[in-house]
C-alpha atoms as a PDB file:
ATOM      1  CA  MET A   1      86.855 -20.023  63.290  1.00  0.00           C
ATOM      2  CA  LEU A   2      87.686 -23.486  61.971  1.00  0.00           C
ATOM      3  CA  LYS A   3      91.193 -24.916  61.897  1.00  0.00           C
ATOM      4  CA  ILE A   4      91.536 -27.339  58.996  1.00  0.00           C
ATOM      5  CA  LEU A   5      94.119 -30.058  58.459  1.00  0.00           C
ATOM      6  CA  ALA A   6      93.898 -30.655  54.688  1.00  0.00           C
ATOM      7  CA  LEU A   7      95.631 -33.737  53.270  1.00  0.00           C
ATOM      8  CA  GLU A   8      96.253 -34.223  49.569  1.00  0.00           C
ATOM      9  CA  GLY A   9      96.379 -37.543  47.760  1.00  0.00           C
ATOM     10  CA  GLY A  10      99.539 -39.230  46.581  1.00  0.00           C
ATOM     11  CA  GLY A  11      99.140 -42.998  46.711  1.00  0.00           C
ATOM     12  CA  ILE A  12     101.874 -44.675  48.708  1.00  0.00           C
ATOM     13  CA  LEU A  13     103.795 -41.369  48.622  1.00  0.00           C
ATOM     14  CA  ALA A  14     101.418 -40.032  51.283  1.00  0.00           C
ATOM     15  CA  ILE A  15     103.715 -41.743  53.765  1.00  0.00           C
ATOM     16  CA  ASN A  16     105.729 -38.532  53.334  1.00  0.00           C
ATOM     17  CA  PHE A  17     102.856 -36.635  54.949  1.00  0.00           C
ATOM     18  CA  LEU A  18     102.718 -39.054  57.869  1.00  0.00           C
ATOM     19  CA  ILE A  19     106.441 -38.790  58.531  1.00  0.00           C
ATOM     20  CA  GLY A  20     106.207 -34.985  58.449  1.00  0.00           C
ATOM     21  CA  LEU A  21     103.262 -35.100  60.835  1.00  0.00           C
ATOM     22  CA  ARG A  22     105.116 -37.478  63.143  1.00  0.00           C
ATOM     23  CA  LYS A  23     108.029 -35.061  63.357  1.00  0.00           C
ATOM     24  CA  LEU A  24     105.577 -32.296  64.261  1.00  0.00           C
ATOM     25  CA  SER A  25     103.667 -34.443  66.744  1.00  0.00           C
ATOM     26  CA  VAL A  26     106.836 -35.504  68.581  1.00  0.00           C
ATOM     27  CA  GLU A  27     107.876 -31.853  68.916  1.00  0.00           C
ATOM     28  CA  PHE A  28     104.511 -30.926  70.415  1.00  0.00           C
ATOM     29  CA  ASP A  29     104.550 -33.999  72.679  1.00  0.00           C
ATOM     30  CA  LYS A  30     107.634 -32.478  74.293  1.00  0.00           C
ATOM     31  CA  GLN A  31     105.514 -29.403  75.085  1.00  0.00           C
ATOM     32  CA  LYS A  32     102.702 -31.580  76.528  1.00  0.00           C
ATOM     33  CA  LYS A  33     100.502 -30.646  73.560  1.00  0.00           C
ATOM     34  CA  ASP A  34      98.608 -33.227  71.491  1.00  0.00           C
ATOM     35  CA  LEU A  35      98.908 -32.003  67.895  1.00  0.00           C
ATOM     36  CA  LEU A  36      95.683 -33.331  66.366  1.00  0.00           C
ATOM     37  CA  ASP A  37      93.537 -31.975  69.201  1.00  0.00           C
ATOM     38  CA  TYR A  38      94.115 -28.442  67.902  1.00  0.00           C
ATOM     39  CA  PHE A  39      92.344 -29.058  64.580  1.00  0.00           C
ATOM     40  CA  ASP A  40      88.570 -28.900  64.098  1.00  0.00           C
ATOM     41  CA  VAL A  41      88.422 -30.389  60.597  1.00  0.00           C
ATOM     42  CA  TYR A  42      90.292 -33.301  59.003  1.00  0.00           C
ATOM     43  CA  SER A  43      89.938 -33.132  55.242  1.00  0.00           C
ATOM     44  CA  GLY A  44      91.372 -35.474  52.642  1.00  0.00           C
ATOM     45  CA  VAL A  45      91.187 -37.047  49.221  1.00  0.00           C
ATOM     46  CA  SER A  46      92.583 -40.389  48.039  1.00  0.00           C
ATOM     47  CA  SER A  47      95.328 -41.547  50.430  1.00  0.00           C
ATOM     48  CA  GLY A  48      94.833 -38.254  52.272  1.00  0.00           C
ATOM     49  CA  ALA A  49      91.268 -39.407  52.960  1.00  0.00           C
ATOM     50  CA  ILE A  50      92.595 -42.560  54.636  1.00  0.00           C
ATOM     51  CA  ILE A  51      94.718 -40.441  56.962  1.00  0.00           C
ATOM     52  CA  ALA A  52      91.991 -37.876  57.663  1.00  0.00           C
ATOM     53  CA  ALA A  53      89.438 -40.585  58.478  1.00  0.00           C
ATOM     54  CA  ALA A  54      91.771 -42.375  60.890  1.00  0.00           C
ATOM     55  CA  PHE A  55      92.505 -39.056  62.601  1.00  0.00           C
ATOM     56  CA  ALA A  56      88.794 -38.271  63.005  1.00  0.00           C
ATOM     57  CA  VAL A  57      88.075 -41.540  64.868  1.00  0.00           C
ATOM     58  CA  ARG A  58      91.565 -42.109  66.254  1.00  0.00           C
ATOM     59  CA  GLU A  59      90.528 -43.128  69.785  1.00  0.00           C
ATOM     60  CA  LYS A  60      88.141 -45.764  68.403  1.00  0.00           C
ATOM     61  CA  VAL A  61      90.722 -47.052  65.922  1.00  0.00           C
ATOM     62  CA  LEU A  62      93.316 -47.535  68.655  1.00  0.00           C
ATOM     63  CA  SER A  63      90.956 -49.132  71.177  1.00  0.00           C
ATOM     64  CA  HIS A  64      89.726 -51.463  68.404  1.00  0.00           C
ATOM     65  CA  LEU A  65      93.328 -52.356  67.566  1.00  0.00           C
ATOM     66  CA  LEU A  66      93.858 -53.437  71.177  1.00  0.00           C
ATOM     67  CA  LYS A  67      90.991 -55.914  70.763  1.00  0.00           C
ATOM     68  CA  ILE A  68      92.105 -57.425  67.472  1.00  0.00           C
ATOM     69  CA  ASP A  69      95.913 -57.251  67.587  1.00  0.00           C
ATOM     70  CA  GLU A  70      97.550 -56.414  70.905  1.00  0.00           C
ATOM     71  CA  SER A  71     100.982 -57.372  69.578  1.00  0.00           C
ATOM     72  CA  LEU A  72     100.671 -54.681  66.904  1.00  0.00           C
ATOM     73  CA  MET A  73      99.656 -52.194  69.587  1.00  0.00           C
ATOM     74  CA  ASN A  74     102.851 -53.104  71.429  1.00  0.00           C
ATOM     75  CA  GLU A  75     104.769 -52.332  68.229  1.00  0.00           C
ATOM     76  CA  ILE A  76     103.029 -48.963  67.905  1.00  0.00           C
ATOM     77  CA  LEU A  77     103.793 -48.090  71.539  1.00  0.00           C
ATOM     78  CA  PHE A  78     107.426 -49.033  70.939  1.00  0.00           C
ATOM     79  CA  MET A  79     107.539 -46.902  67.765  1.00  0.00           C
ATOM     80  CA  SER A  80     106.123 -44.027  69.835  1.00  0.00           C
ATOM     81  CA  ARG A  81     108.919 -44.408  72.385  1.00  0.00           C
ATOM     82  CA  VAL A  82     106.628 -45.301  75.260  1.00  0.00           C
ATOM     83  CA  PRO A  83     108.675 -47.041  78.006  1.00  0.00           C
ATOM     84  CA  LYS A  84     107.784 -50.735  78.169  1.00  0.00           C
ATOM     85  CA  CYS A  85     107.060 -50.428  81.881  1.00  0.00           C
ATOM     86  CA  LYS A  86     104.185 -48.054  80.969  1.00  0.00           C
ATOM     87  CA  PHE A  87     102.580 -50.182  78.256  1.00  0.00           C
ATOM     88  CA  GLN A  88      99.758 -51.468  80.481  1.00  0.00           C
ATOM     89  CA  GLU A  89      99.008 -48.014  81.829  1.00  0.00           C
ATOM     90  CA  TRP A  90      98.776 -46.598  78.303  1.00  0.00           C
ATOM     91  CA  LYS A  91      96.620 -49.510  77.116  1.00  0.00           C
ATOM     92  CA  LYS A  92      94.166 -48.906  79.946  1.00  0.00           C
ATOM     93  CA  ARG A  93      93.812 -45.256  78.941  1.00  0.00           C
ATOM     94  CA  ILE A  94      93.488 -46.236  75.262  1.00  0.00           C
ATOM     95  CA  ARG A  95      90.632 -48.632  76.083  1.00  0.00           C
ATOM     96  CA  GLU A  96      88.890 -45.842  77.991  1.00  0.00           C
ATOM     97  CA  HIS A  97      89.505 -43.304  75.168  1.00  0.00           C
ATOM     98  CA  LYS A  98      91.443 -41.130  77.617  1.00  0.00           C
ATOM     99  CA  GLN A  99      94.923 -41.323  76.110  1.00  0.00           C
ATOM    100  CA  LYS A 100      96.274 -38.437  74.036  1.00  0.00           C
ATOM    101  CA  CYS A 101      97.153 -40.254  70.874  1.00  0.00           C
ATOM    102  CA  SER A 102      98.342 -38.108  67.941  1.00  0.00           C
ATOM    103  CA  THR A 103     101.741 -39.814  67.707  1.00  0.00           C
ATOM    104  CA  LEU A 104     100.183 -43.260  68.212  1.00  0.00           C
ATOM    105  CA  ILE A 105      97.697 -42.966  65.338  1.00  0.00           C
ATOM    106  CA  ILE A 106     100.347 -41.477  63.037  1.00  0.00           C
ATOM    107  CA  ASN A 107     102.699 -44.381  63.804  1.00  0.00           C
ATOM    108  CA  LEU A 108      99.921 -46.908  63.197  1.00  0.00           C
ATOM    109  CA  LEU A 109      99.299 -45.418  59.756  1.00  0.00           C
ATOM    110  CA  ILE A 110     103.031 -45.399  58.975  1.00  0.00           C
ATOM    111  CA  TYR A 111     103.158 -49.067  59.963  1.00  0.00           C
ATOM    112  CA  ILE A 112     100.210 -49.905  57.684  1.00  0.00           C
ATOM    113  CA  PHE A 113     101.611 -47.960  54.728  1.00  0.00           C
ATOM    114  CA  ARG A 114     105.015 -49.620  55.114  1.00  0.00           C
ATOM    115  CA  ASN A 115     104.021 -53.161  56.022  1.00  0.00           C
ATOM    116  CA  LYS A 116     100.729 -53.669  54.197  1.00  0.00           C
ATOM    117  CA  SER A 117     101.702 -52.046  50.905  1.00  0.00           C
ATOM    118  CA  GLN A 118     101.997 -55.410  49.136  1.00  0.00           C
ATOM    119  CA  ASP A 119      98.382 -56.121  50.066  1.00  0.00           C
ATOM    120  CA  ILE A 120      97.274 -52.662  48.938  1.00  0.00           C
ATOM    121  CA  PHE A 121      99.070 -53.037  45.603  1.00  0.00           C
ATOM    122  CA  GLU A 122      98.232 -56.664  44.826  1.00  0.00           C
ATOM    123  CA  LEU A 123      98.373 -57.141  41.046  1.00  0.00           C
ATOM    124  CA  ASN A 124      95.263 -58.426  39.296  1.00  0.00           C
ATOM    125  CA  ASP A 125      97.489 -60.214  36.797  1.00  0.00           C
ATOM    126  CA  PRO A 126     101.221 -60.294  37.636  1.00  0.00           C
ATOM    127  CA  SER A 127     102.036 -60.985  33.961  1.00  0.00           C
ATOM    128  CA  ASN A 128     100.246 -57.821  32.767  1.00  0.00           C
ATOM    129  CA  GLN A 129     101.046 -54.707  34.807  1.00  0.00           C
ATOM    130  CA  LEU A 130      99.214 -52.268  32.525  1.00  0.00           C
ATOM    131  CA  PRO A 131      95.960 -53.955  31.481  1.00  0.00           C
ATOM    132  CA  ILE A 132      93.837 -52.510  28.679  1.00  0.00           C
ATOM    133  CA  ILE A 133      90.676 -53.898  30.252  1.00  0.00           C
ATOM    134  CA  GLY A 134      90.226 -53.927  34.002  1.00  0.00           C
ATOM    135  CA  THR A 135      92.496 -52.444  36.639  1.00  0.00           C
ATOM    136  CA  LYS A 136      96.120 -52.914  37.556  1.00  0.00           C
ATOM    137  CA  TYR A 137      95.398 -53.915  41.170  1.00  0.00           C
ATOM    138  CA  THR A 138      92.783 -55.870  43.104  1.00  0.00           C
ATOM    139  CA  ASN A 139      90.699 -54.090  45.718  1.00  0.00           C
ATOM    140  CA  LYS A 140      92.273 -55.966  48.619  1.00  0.00           C
ATOM    141  CA  LYS A 141      92.957 -52.605  50.258  1.00  0.00           C
ATOM    142  CA  TYR A 142      89.238 -52.350  51.043  1.00  0.00           C
ATOM    143  CA  TYR A 143      89.556 -55.185  53.557  1.00  0.00           C
ATOM    144  CA  LEU A 144      92.312 -53.265  55.321  1.00  0.00           C
ATOM    145  CA  PHE A 145      89.945 -50.318  55.723  1.00  0.00           C
ATOM    146  CA  LYS A 146      87.226 -52.627  57.059  1.00  0.00           C
ATOM    147  CA  LYS A 147      89.719 -54.122  59.503  1.00  0.00           C
ATOM    148  CA  TYR A 148      90.976 -50.858  60.989  1.00  0.00           C
ATOM    149  CA  ILE A 149      88.461 -48.064  60.298  1.00  0.00           C
ATOM    150  CA  ASP A 150      85.093 -49.815  60.022  1.00  0.00           C
ATOM    151  CA  PHE A 151      83.176 -47.019  61.727  1.00  0.00           C
ATOM    152  CA  ASN A 152      80.325 -44.722  60.732  1.00  0.00           C
ATOM    153  CA  MET A 153      80.160 -40.947  60.486  1.00  0.00           C
ATOM    154  CA  LYS A 154      78.076 -40.902  63.681  1.00  0.00           C
ATOM    155  CA  ASP A 155      81.055 -42.401  65.537  1.00  0.00           C
ATOM    156  CA  ILE A 156      83.074 -39.213  65.055  1.00  0.00           C
ATOM    157  CA  PRO A 157      83.216 -37.277  68.348  1.00  0.00           C
ATOM    158  CA  ASN A 158      81.306 -34.016  68.703  1.00  0.00           C
ATOM    159  CA  LYS A 159      83.129 -30.848  67.624  1.00  0.00           C
ATOM    160  CA  ARG A 160      85.277 -32.910  65.242  1.00  0.00           C
ATOM    161  CA  ILE A 161      84.580 -32.797  61.486  1.00  0.00           C
ATOM    162  CA  LEU A 162      85.664 -35.202  58.752  1.00  0.00           C
ATOM    163  CA  VAL A 163      85.552 -34.194  55.075  1.00  0.00           C
ATOM    164  CA  VAL A 164      86.254 -36.815  52.396  1.00  0.00           C
ATOM    165  CA  LYS A 165      86.141 -35.939  48.706  1.00  0.00           C
ATOM    166  CA  THR A 166      85.436 -38.171  45.703  1.00  0.00           C
ATOM    167  CA  PHE A 167      84.579 -37.622  42.047  1.00  0.00           C
ATOM    168  CA  ASN A 168      81.095 -38.734  40.931  1.00  0.00           C
ATOM    169  CA  LEU A 169      81.356 -40.398  37.499  1.00  0.00           C
ATOM    170  CA  LYS A 170      77.605 -40.400  36.857  1.00  0.00           C
ATOM    171  CA  GLU A 171      76.964 -36.760  37.665  1.00  0.00           C
ATOM    172  CA  LEU A 172      80.465 -35.499  36.754  1.00  0.00           C
ATOM    173  CA  LYS A 173      80.879 -33.518  39.957  1.00  0.00           C
ATOM    174  CA  ILE A 174      82.700 -33.573  43.262  1.00  0.00           C
ATOM    175  CA  ASP A 175      80.869 -35.469  46.007  1.00  0.00           C
ATOM    176  CA  ILE A 176      81.670 -34.512  49.583  1.00  0.00           C
ATOM    177  CA  PHE A 177      81.126 -36.886  52.489  1.00  0.00           C
ATOM    178  CA  SER A 178      81.109 -35.401  55.950  1.00  0.00           C
ATOM    179  CA  ASN A 179      79.457 -35.457  59.355  1.00  0.00           C
ATOM    180  CA  TYR A 180      79.007 -31.696  58.902  1.00  0.00           C
ATOM    181  CA  GLN A 181      75.352 -30.858  58.208  1.00  0.00           C
ATOM    182  CA  ASN A 182      74.668 -34.313  56.719  1.00  0.00           C
ATOM    183  CA  LEU A 183      76.670 -33.817  53.541  1.00  0.00           C
ATOM    184  CA  GLY A 184      76.559 -36.805  51.199  1.00  0.00           C
ATOM    185  CA  SER A 185      73.803 -38.547  53.184  1.00  0.00           C
ATOM    186  CA  LYS A 186      72.245 -40.200  50.101  1.00  0.00           C
ATOM    187  CA  TYR A 187      75.224 -42.568  49.954  1.00  0.00           C
ATOM    188  CA  SER A 188      76.894 -44.846  52.490  1.00  0.00           C
ATOM    189  CA  ARG A 189      77.753 -43.345  55.868  1.00  0.00           C
ATOM    190  CA  ASN A 190      80.354 -46.032  56.532  1.00  0.00           C
ATOM    191  CA  ILE A 191      83.819 -44.493  56.713  1.00  0.00           C
ATOM    192  CA  ALA A 192      85.615 -47.550  55.286  1.00  0.00           C
ATOM    193  CA  ASP A 193      83.366 -47.478  52.193  1.00  0.00           C
ATOM    194  CA  ILE A 194      83.825 -43.750  51.638  1.00  0.00           C
ATOM    195  CA  VAL A 195      87.601 -43.891  52.048  1.00  0.00           C
ATOM    196  CA  ASP A 196      87.727 -46.783  49.597  1.00  0.00           C
ATOM    197  CA  TRP A 197      85.796 -44.756  46.986  1.00  0.00           C
ATOM    198  CA  SER A 198      88.053 -41.739  47.473  1.00  0.00           C
ATOM    199  CA  SER A 199      91.196 -43.822  46.930  1.00  0.00           C
ATOM    200  CA  ASN A 200      90.000 -45.856  43.930  1.00  0.00           C
ATOM    201  CA  ALA A 201      92.208 -44.202  41.334  1.00  0.00           C
ATOM    202  CA  PRO A 202      91.042 -45.066  37.785  1.00  0.00           C
ATOM    203  CA  THR A 203      93.243 -47.681  36.038  1.00  0.00           C
ATOM    204  CA  TYR A 204      94.703 -48.591  39.444  1.00  0.00           C
ATOM    205  CA  PHE A 205      91.751 -49.970  41.471  1.00  0.00           C
ATOM    206  CA  PRO A 206      88.217 -51.263  40.765  1.00  0.00           C
ATOM    207  CA  ASN A 207      85.377 -48.803  41.438  1.00  0.00           C
ATOM    208  CA  ASN A 208      81.649 -48.975  42.130  1.00  0.00           C
ATOM    209  CA  GLY A 209      80.758 -47.197  38.893  1.00  0.00           C
ATOM    210  CA  VAL A 210      79.916 -43.979  40.718  1.00  0.00           C
ATOM    211  CA  HIS A 211      82.720 -42.724  42.954  1.00  0.00           C
ATOM    212  CA  VAL A 212      86.418 -42.624  42.105  1.00  0.00           C
ATOM    213  CA  ASP A 213      89.546 -40.858  43.214  1.00  0.00           C
ATOM    214  CA  GLY A 214      89.583 -37.431  41.582  1.00  0.00           C
ATOM    215  CA  GLY A 215      92.610 -36.408  43.612  1.00  0.00           C
ATOM    216  CA  ASN A 216      94.427 -34.139  41.218  1.00  0.00           C
ATOM    217  CA  PHE A 217      91.242 -32.227  40.403  1.00  0.00           C
ATOM    218  CA  ILE A 218      89.931 -31.840  43.956  1.00  0.00           C
ATOM    219  CA  ASN A 219      93.016 -31.398  46.111  1.00  0.00           C
ATOM    220  CA  SER A 220      92.276 -27.673  46.199  1.00  0.00           C
ATOM    221  CA  SER A 221      90.673 -26.456  49.414  1.00  0.00           C
ATOM    222  CA  PHE A 222      89.438 -23.469  47.411  1.00  0.00           C
ATOM    223  CA  LEU A 223      87.084 -25.776  45.490  1.00  0.00           C
ATOM    224  CA  THR A 224      85.674 -27.634  48.473  1.00  0.00           C
ATOM    225  CA  GLU A 225      86.211 -26.426  52.029  1.00  0.00           C
ATOM    226  CA  LYS A 226      85.413 -22.807  51.199  1.00  0.00           C
ATOM    227  CA  GLN A 227      82.092 -23.947  49.728  1.00  0.00           C
ATOM    228  CA  ILE A 228      81.264 -26.226  52.656  1.00  0.00           C
ATOM    229  CA  PHE A 229      82.058 -23.751  55.422  1.00  0.00           C
ATOM    230  CA  THR A 230      80.518 -20.644  53.876  1.00  0.00           C
ATOM    231  CA  GLY A 231      80.742 -17.620  56.144  1.00  0.00           C
ATOM    232  CA  LYS A 232      83.286 -19.217  58.489  1.00  0.00           C
ATOM    233  CA  ASP A 233      86.786 -17.914  59.172  1.00  0.00           C
ATOM    234  CA  LEU A 234      89.146 -20.665  58.052  1.00  0.00           C
ATOM    235  CA  ILE A 235      92.756 -21.482  58.853  1.00  0.00           C
ATOM    236  CA  PHE A 236      94.383 -24.102  56.611  1.00  0.00           C
ATOM    237  CA  PHE A 237      97.323 -26.311  57.441  1.00  0.00           C
ATOM    238  CA  SER A 238      97.792 -28.235  54.209  1.00  0.00           C
ATOM    239  CA  ILE A 239     100.096 -31.167  53.541  1.00  0.00           C
ATOM    240  CA  GLY A 240     100.922 -32.191  50.000  1.00  0.00           C
ATOM    241  CA  SER A 241     103.369 -32.168  47.138  1.00  0.00           C
ATOM    242  CA  LYS A 242     105.243 -29.189  45.796  1.00  0.00           C
ATOM    243  CA  PHE A 243     104.391 -27.723  42.420  1.00  0.00           C
ATOM    244  CA  SER A 244     105.396 -30.747  40.394  1.00  0.00           C
ATOM    245  CA  LYS A 245     104.538 -33.207  37.676  1.00  0.00           C
ATOM    246  CA  ILE A 246     102.382 -36.187  38.597  1.00  0.00           C
ATOM    247  CA  ASN A 247     103.188 -39.352  36.654  1.00  0.00           C
ATOM    248  CA  LEU A 248     100.247 -41.475  35.512  1.00  0.00           C
ATOM    249  CA  PRO A 249     100.466 -45.012  34.045  1.00  0.00           C
ATOM    250  CA  LEU A 250      99.374 -43.962  30.529  1.00  0.00           C
ATOM    251  CA  ASN A 251     100.481 -44.983  27.065  1.00  0.00           C
ATOM    252  CA  GLU A 252     102.217 -42.354  24.954  1.00  0.00           C
ATOM    253  CA  GLU A 253      99.096 -41.417  22.948  1.00  0.00           C
ATOM    254  CA  TYR A 254      97.313 -40.427  26.173  1.00  0.00           C
ATOM    255  CA  LYS A 255     100.080 -38.257  27.628  1.00  0.00           C
ATOM    256  CA  TRP A 256      97.983 -35.174  26.752  1.00  0.00           C
ATOM    257  CA  PHE A 257      95.595 -36.230  29.523  1.00  0.00           C
ATOM    258  CA  GLN A 258      98.453 -36.321  32.019  1.00  0.00           C
ATOM    259  CA  ASN A 259      99.415 -32.768  31.027  1.00  0.00           C
ATOM    260  CA  LEU A 260      95.809 -31.618  31.517  1.00  0.00           C
ATOM    261  CA  VAL A 261      95.698 -33.222  34.969  1.00  0.00           C
ATOM    262  CA  ASN A 262      98.878 -31.411  35.969  1.00  0.00           C
ATOM    263  CA  VAL A 263      97.517 -28.039  34.830  1.00  0.00           C
ATOM    264  CA  PHE A 264      94.441 -28.431  37.042  1.00  0.00           C
ATOM    265  CA  TYR A 265      96.464 -29.861  39.923  1.00  0.00           C
ATOM    266  CA  ASN A 266      98.993 -27.054  40.083  1.00  0.00           C
ATOM    267  CA  LEU A 267      96.444 -24.304  39.341  1.00  0.00           C
ATOM    268  CA  GLY A 268      94.356 -25.354  42.340  1.00  0.00           C
ATOM    269  CA  LYS A 269      97.383 -25.201  44.625  1.00  0.00           C
ATOM    270  CA  GLN A 270      98.185 -21.650  43.485  1.00  0.00           C
ATOM    271  CA  ILE A 271      94.566 -20.531  43.960  1.00  0.00           C
ATOM    272  CA  ASP A 272      94.696 -21.801  47.548  1.00  0.00           C
ATOM    273  CA  LYS A 273      97.772 -19.707  48.317  1.00  0.00           C
ATOM    274  CA  ILE A 274      96.275 -16.574  46.777  1.00  0.00           C
ATOM    275  CA  THR A 275      92.781 -16.825  48.258  1.00  0.00           C
ATOM    276  CA  ASN A 276      93.491 -18.037  51.792  1.00  0.00           C
ATOM    277  CA  ASP A 277      94.987 -15.467  54.142  1.00  0.00           C
ATOM    278  CA  LYS A 278      95.868 -17.996  56.802  1.00  0.00           C
ATOM    279  CA  TYR A 279      97.247 -20.844  54.744  1.00  0.00           C
ATOM    280  CA  PHE A 280     100.360 -22.955  55.127  1.00  0.00           C
ATOM    281  CA  GLN A 281     101.480 -25.963  53.167  1.00  0.00           C
ATOM    282  CA  LEU A 282     104.038 -28.455  54.381  1.00  0.00           C
ATOM    283  CA  SER A 283     105.312 -29.462  50.928  1.00  0.00           C
ATOM    284  CA  PHE A 284     107.102 -32.587  49.793  1.00  0.00           C
ATOM    285  CA  ASP A 285     108.937 -33.173  46.536  1.00  0.00           C
ATOM    286  CA  PHE A 286     107.589 -36.376  44.976  1.00  0.00           C
ATOM    287  CA  LYS A 287     110.575 -36.373  42.601  1.00  0.00           C
ATOM    288  CA  ASN A 288     110.135 -39.038  39.905  1.00  0.00           C
ATOM    289  CA  TYR A 289     108.417 -41.575  42.139  1.00  0.00           C
ATOM    290  CA  HIS A 290     105.176 -43.184  40.988  1.00  0.00           C
ATOM    291  CA  LEU A 291     102.134 -43.363  43.243  1.00  0.00           C
ATOM    292  CA  ASP A 292     102.606 -47.133  43.646  1.00  0.00           C
ATOM    293  CA  ASP A 293     106.392 -47.320  44.128  1.00  0.00           C
ATOM    294  CA  PHE A 294     106.043 -49.280  47.362  1.00  0.00           C
ATOM    295  CA  GLN A 295     109.321 -51.152  46.789  1.00  0.00           C
ATOM    296  CA  LEU A 296     111.105 -47.811  47.169  1.00  0.00           C
ATOM    297  CA  LEU A 297     109.484 -47.033  50.531  1.00  0.00           C
ATOM    298  CA  PRO A 298     112.774 -47.111  52.530  1.00  0.00           C
ATOM    299  CA  GLU A 299     114.255 -44.474  50.209  1.00  0.00           C
ATOM    300  CA  ILE A 300     111.043 -42.419  50.180  1.00  0.00           C
ATOM    301  CA  CYS A 301     110.832 -42.478  53.970  1.00  0.00           C
ATOM    302  CA  GLN A 302     114.458 -41.457  54.365  1.00  0.00           C
ATOM    303  CA  ASN A 303     113.905 -38.451  52.086  1.00  0.00           C
ATOM    304  CA  ALA A 304     110.801 -37.492  54.057  1.00  0.00           C
ATOM    305  CA  GLU A 305     112.726 -37.494  57.344  1.00  0.00           C
ATOM    306  CA  ASN A 306     114.818 -34.617  55.990  1.00  0.00           C
ATOM    307  CA  ILE A 307     111.844 -32.229  55.710  1.00  0.00           C
ATOM    308  CA  ASP A 308     112.320 -28.919  57.520  1.00  0.00           C
ATOM    309  CA  ILE A 309     109.405 -28.414  59.912  1.00  0.00           C
ATOM    310  CA  SER A 310     110.560 -25.163  61.547  1.00  0.00           C
ATOM    311  CA  ASN A 311     108.157 -22.913  59.577  1.00  0.00           C
ATOM    312  CA  ALA A 312     105.335 -25.394  60.150  1.00  0.00           C
ATOM    313  CA  ILE A 313     105.905 -25.283  63.912  1.00  0.00           C
ATOM    314  CA  GLN A 314     105.857 -21.497  63.854  1.00  0.00           C
ATOM    315  CA  PHE A 315     102.611 -21.403  61.842  1.00  0.00           C
ATOM    316  CA  ILE A 316     100.920 -23.872  64.198  1.00  0.00           C
ATOM    317  CA  HIS A 317     101.994 -21.856  67.239  1.00  0.00           C
ATOM    318  CA  ASN A 318     100.846 -18.574  65.672  1.00  0.00           C
ATOM    319  CA  HIS A 319      97.562 -19.650  64.094  1.00  0.00           C
ATOM    320  CA  ILE A 320      96.461 -23.126  65.241  1.00  0.00           C
ATOM    321  CA  ILE A 321      97.215 -23.301  68.965  1.00  0.00           C
END
């Protein structure tokens, strides 16, 4: 039986997922349980791929952070409510990959989403926010991935599986990158590269001409995980948006494409609920926010803090732990 943490895309709005996960992780910390240790598979697309990848190599990410930016590690320890008198003790365990670290890695990602968003969404041309040719943003976000998660698939610990999904423009199909049975081995095995491809939303970020973010089409675990893990009993804990409309930066004559995207997006979510016996989704309402509304992050985060996690806790106790 495989226990899967499946993370949808959502641009900057994926900070909702991190805040929900932090609330869960803090609750399980009180019970001396490290939340992420109870999952076998971390699966994601787009910004969900960033989160899933960091979770899969979380001990390495945190020990690397200690080497490159100890002051930021101090901030993360403070955010995680570690007493200052225990900082050195925790750092020693982090260096040795012995520290339970679900809340730490979640807080690091929240910090990056909140404080590096201007780098992620750096305009190609500040005078033209919806270019006809080219993309709205630079690919400066790639250097963030190289800074924090520049690891390879082989660096993922045994018995831990990462699944990252992208859309292949040349072959018009979903490409899956994973350390599970060498999936996607004909392309790069570097996690930072793969996460970058998965989050390169067309019209938003430059792409390599092959792999782009196909988030709304491939959020469904029915389309991917069930095909990867054929014959396995699967339990899904999914985190994503409620049945809702996704806004895309399109001119009026192309609004039909947005409607088509939303049909596929919401259909996949309903298929998941029907076909998976042990399936739970912690759902967030994206309201009318856009995927790059980073200036509204304080408001978005405050809304996320109000999510009710009681049913999620019960599901995790009943089916995950």
